């Protein structure tokens, strides 16, 4: 097992996936990491939809106009959703789930990339969330936060460079 420091240094967004299917045990491990993620009041006000159908993934790859077409080659796309009637912290809970899954993916030598959907629109003002909702028949009580594409990377990106840390972003005590 890698250290968390190594995982956080190595994890980079992947936008170029091999066509290889993800091993079922890896998919199960990804989902376990979601269930172990912290959740406000322990309510788990989130739901995830696992999409491995190529036709649906190709449709999802057109749900936004920018920075999404690459998911057409991903063997797995996870849709992060939440129900605000279950927990008003559904956005935070679903975000933690997504990031937990991304770090778990890194440990499994899988690449991943977050695609924001909530509050994103096409140039004609069509909601990207409504497009995703229509493709996957998502119920009205569920809000769509993001998609995360998963797969084996075609290439490995260089780790983050510790020399480029912006320490000025950290404020101790007061601003």
Protein backbone atom coordinates (compact mmCIF):
# COMPACT_ATOMS: atom_id res chain seq x y z
CA UNK A 1 0.00 0.00 0.00
CA UNK A 2 1.20 3.47 -0.83
CA UNK A 3 1.34 6.16 1.79
CA UNK A 4 -1.33 8.83 1.52
CA UNK A 5 1.40 11.39 0.88
CA UNK A 6 2.55 9.36 -2.12
CA UNK A 7 -1.04 8.91 -3.38
CA UNK A 8 -1.72 12.65 -3.13
CA UNK A 9 1.55 13.47 -4.89
CA UNK A 10 1.01 10.94 -7.68
CA UNK A 11 -2.71 11.40 -8.35
CA UNK A 12 -3.23 13.45 -11.50
CA UNK A 13 -6.27 13.79 -13.73
CA UNK A 14 -6.29 11.22 -16.52
CA UNK A 15 -7.97 12.04 -19.82
CA UNK A 16 -6.58 9.20 -21.93
CA UNK A 17 -7.75 5.69 -21.03
CA UNK A 18 -6.97 2.24 -22.36
CA UNK A 19 -9.97 0.29 -23.61
CA UNK A 20 -9.25 -2.45 -21.05
CA UNK A 21 -12.19 -3.20 -18.76
CA UNK A 22 -11.60 -2.57 -15.08
CA UNK A 23 -11.20 -5.72 -13.01
CA UNK A 24 -14.44 -6.43 -11.06
CA UNK A 25 -12.54 -6.60 -7.76
CA UNK A 26 -11.15 -3.11 -8.44
CA UNK A 27 -14.66 -1.79 -9.07
CA UNK A 28 -15.83 -3.32 -5.80
CA UNK A 29 -12.90 -1.70 -3.97
CA UNK A 30 -13.78 1.69 -5.52
CA UNK A 31 -17.35 1.40 -4.25
CA UNK A 32 -16.18 0.31 -0.81
CA UNK A 33 -14.13 3.48 -0.58
CA UNK A 34 -17.34 5.44 -1.20
CA UNK A 35 -19.11 3.74 1.69
CA UNK A 36 -16.18 4.37 4.03
CA UNK A 37 -16.03 8.09 3.15
CA UNK A 38 -17.00 10.56 5.87
CA UNK A 39 -20.58 11.78 5.68
CA UNK A 40 -22.37 14.63 7.47
CA UNK A 41 -24.33 13.18 10.38
CA UNK A 42 -23.58 9.72 8.95
CA UNK A 43 -26.56 10.07 6.61
CA UNK A 44 -24.81 9.29 3.34
CA UNK A 45 -27.08 11.71 1.46
CA UNK A 46 -25.45 10.68 -1.78
CA UNK A 47 -26.05 8.08 -4.47
CA UNK A 48 -23.72 6.91 -7.20
CA UNK A 49 -24.59 5.53 -10.60
CA UNK A 50 -21.99 3.28 -12.18
CA UNK A 51 -22.13 3.49 -15.96
CA UNK A 52 -20.20 0.88 -17.92
CA UNK A 53 -22.43 0.72 -20.99
CA UNK A 54 -20.44 2.19 -23.90
CA UNK A 55 -23.51 3.70 -25.56
CA UNK A 56 -24.48 5.57 -22.38
CA UNK A 57 -20.89 6.66 -21.77
CA UNK A 58 -20.74 8.07 -25.31
CA UNK A 59 -23.97 9.99 -24.68
CA UNK A 60 -22.54 11.31 -21.39
CA UNK A 61 -19.43 12.46 -23.27
CA UNK A 62 -21.66 15.00 -25.02
CA UNK A 63 -23.35 16.35 -21.87
CA UNK A 64 -21.05 19.39 -21.84
CA UNK A 65 -19.40 21.36 -24.59
CA UNK A 66 -15.91 21.50 -23.10
CA UNK A 67 -13.53 19.13 -21.30
CA UNK A 68 -15.67 16.01 -21.46
CA UNK A 69 -15.35 14.23 -24.82
CA UNK A 70 -12.43 12.14 -23.53
CA UNK A 71 -14.76 10.13 -21.26
CA UNK A 72 -16.09 8.29 -24.34
CA UNK A 73 -13.04 6.01 -23.99
CA UNK A 74 -13.38 5.41 -20.25
CA UNK A 75 -14.59 1.93 -19.31
CA UNK A 76 -16.40 3.26 -16.22
CA UNK A 77 -18.08 6.56 -15.43
CA UNK A 78 -19.50 7.21 -11.98
CA UNK A 79 -22.24 9.79 -11.58
CA UNK A 80 -22.26 11.49 -8.17
CA UNK A 81 -25.75 12.44 -7.05
CA UNK A 82 -27.43 13.58 -3.87
CA UNK A 83 -30.79 14.19 -2.33
CA UNK A 84 -30.95 17.47 -0.42
CA UNK A 85 -34.05 16.27 1.44
CA UNK A 86 -31.89 13.55 3.03
CA UNK A 87 -29.05 15.88 3.94
CA UNK A 88 -28.41 19.54 3.18
CA UNK A 89 -24.70 18.66 2.96
CA UNK A 90 -25.20 16.35 -0.03
CA UNK A 91 -22.76 18.36 -2.17
CA UNK A 92 -19.99 18.05 0.41
CA UNK A 93 -20.79 14.38 1.07
CA UNK A 94 -20.84 13.48 -2.64
CA UNK A 95 -17.60 15.43 -3.17
CA UNK A 96 -15.87 13.51 -0.38
CA UNK A 97 -17.13 10.24 -1.89
CA UNK A 98 -15.77 11.22 -5.29
CA UNK A 99 -12.36 12.23 -4.01
CA UNK A 100 -12.15 9.08 -1.87
CA UNK A 101 -12.85 7.02 -4.97
CA UNK A 102 -10.21 8.94 -6.94
CA UNK A 103 -7.51 8.27 -4.35
CA UNK A 104 -8.56 4.63 -4.17
CA UNK A 105 -8.32 4.47 -7.95
CA UNK A 106 -4.76 5.82 -7.79
CA UNK A 107 -3.78 3.07 -5.36
CA UNK A 108 -5.25 0.52 -7.83
CA UNK A 109 -3.21 2.04 -10.71
CA UNK A 110 -6.38 3.42 -12.27
CA UNK A 111 -6.66 6.90 -13.70
CA UNK A 112 -9.58 9.19 -13.01
CA UNK A 113 -10.91 12.61 -13.88
CA UNK A 114 -13.65 14.71 -12.25
CA UNK A 115 -16.11 16.40 -14.62
CA UNK A 116 -18.25 19.06 -12.94
CA UNK A 117 -21.94 18.95 -13.95
CA UNK A 118 -23.78 20.92 -11.25
CA UNK A 119 -24.32 24.54 -12.32
CA UNK A 120 -22.87 23.93 -15.79
CA UNK A 121 -24.75 24.85 -18.96
CA UNK A 122 -24.42 24.51 -22.71
CA UNK A 123 -24.10 27.68 -24.78
CA UNK A 124 -27.87 27.59 -25.40
CA UNK A 125 -28.46 27.58 -21.59
CA UNK A 126 -29.43 23.90 -21.50
CA UNK A 127 -28.54 22.47 -18.11
CA UNK A 128 -25.82 19.81 -18.26
CA UNK A 129 -27.50 18.22 -15.24
CA UNK A 130 -30.76 17.83 -17.16
CA UNK A 131 -28.89 16.16 -20.03
CA UNK A 132 -27.28 13.63 -17.65
CA UNK A 133 -30.61 13.14 -15.88
CA UNK A 134 -32.31 12.35 -19.19
CA UNK A 135 -29.65 9.88 -20.35
CA UNK A 136 -29.76 7.87 -17.12
CA UNK A 137 -33.40 8.38 -16.01
CA UNK A 138 -32.29 9.96 -12.74
CA UNK A 139 -35.25 10.70 -10.43
CA UNK A 140 -36.22 14.33 -9.80
CA UNK A 141 -35.24 14.22 -6.10
CA UNK A 142 -31.61 13.47 -7.05
CA UNK A 143 -29.28 16.32 -7.96
CA UNK A 144 -26.27 15.59 -10.18
CA UNK A 145 -22.95 16.93 -8.91
CA UNK A 146 -20.33 15.45 -11.21
CA UNK A 147 -19.12 12.58 -13.32
CA UNK A 148 -15.87 10.78 -12.63
CA UNK A 149 -14.27 8.81 -15.45
CA UNK A 150 -12.18 5.79 -14.41
CA UNK A 151 -9.87 3.51 -16.37
CA UNK A 152 -6.35 2.31 -16.87
CA UNK A 153 -4.28 5.27 -18.09
CA UNK A 154 -2.59 5.20 -21.48
CA UNK A 155 0.24 7.25 -20.03
CA UNK A 156 1.39 8.26 -16.58
CA UNK A 157 1.58 11.94 -15.79
CA UNK A 158 4.47 13.28 -13.75
CA UNK A 159 3.75 13.57 -10.03
CA UNK A 160 3.01 16.95 -8.50
CA UNK A 161 6.15 19.00 -7.91
CA UNK A 162 6.64 19.93 -4.24
CA UNK A 163 8.68 22.94 -5.37
CA UNK A 164 5.50 24.44 -6.83
CA UNK A 165 3.47 24.34 -3.63
CA UNK A 166 1.84 27.72 -3.07
CA UNK A 167 2.39 28.06 0.65
CA UNK A 168 0.90 31.55 0.50
CA UNK A 169 -2.50 29.82 0.22
CA UNK A 170 -2.18 28.75 3.88
CA UNK A 171 -3.10 31.32 6.53
CA UNK A 172 -2.35 30.47 10.14
CA UNK A 173 -4.42 32.07 12.86
CA UNK A 174 -5.77 35.01 10.88
CA UNK A 175 -5.72 36.19 7.30
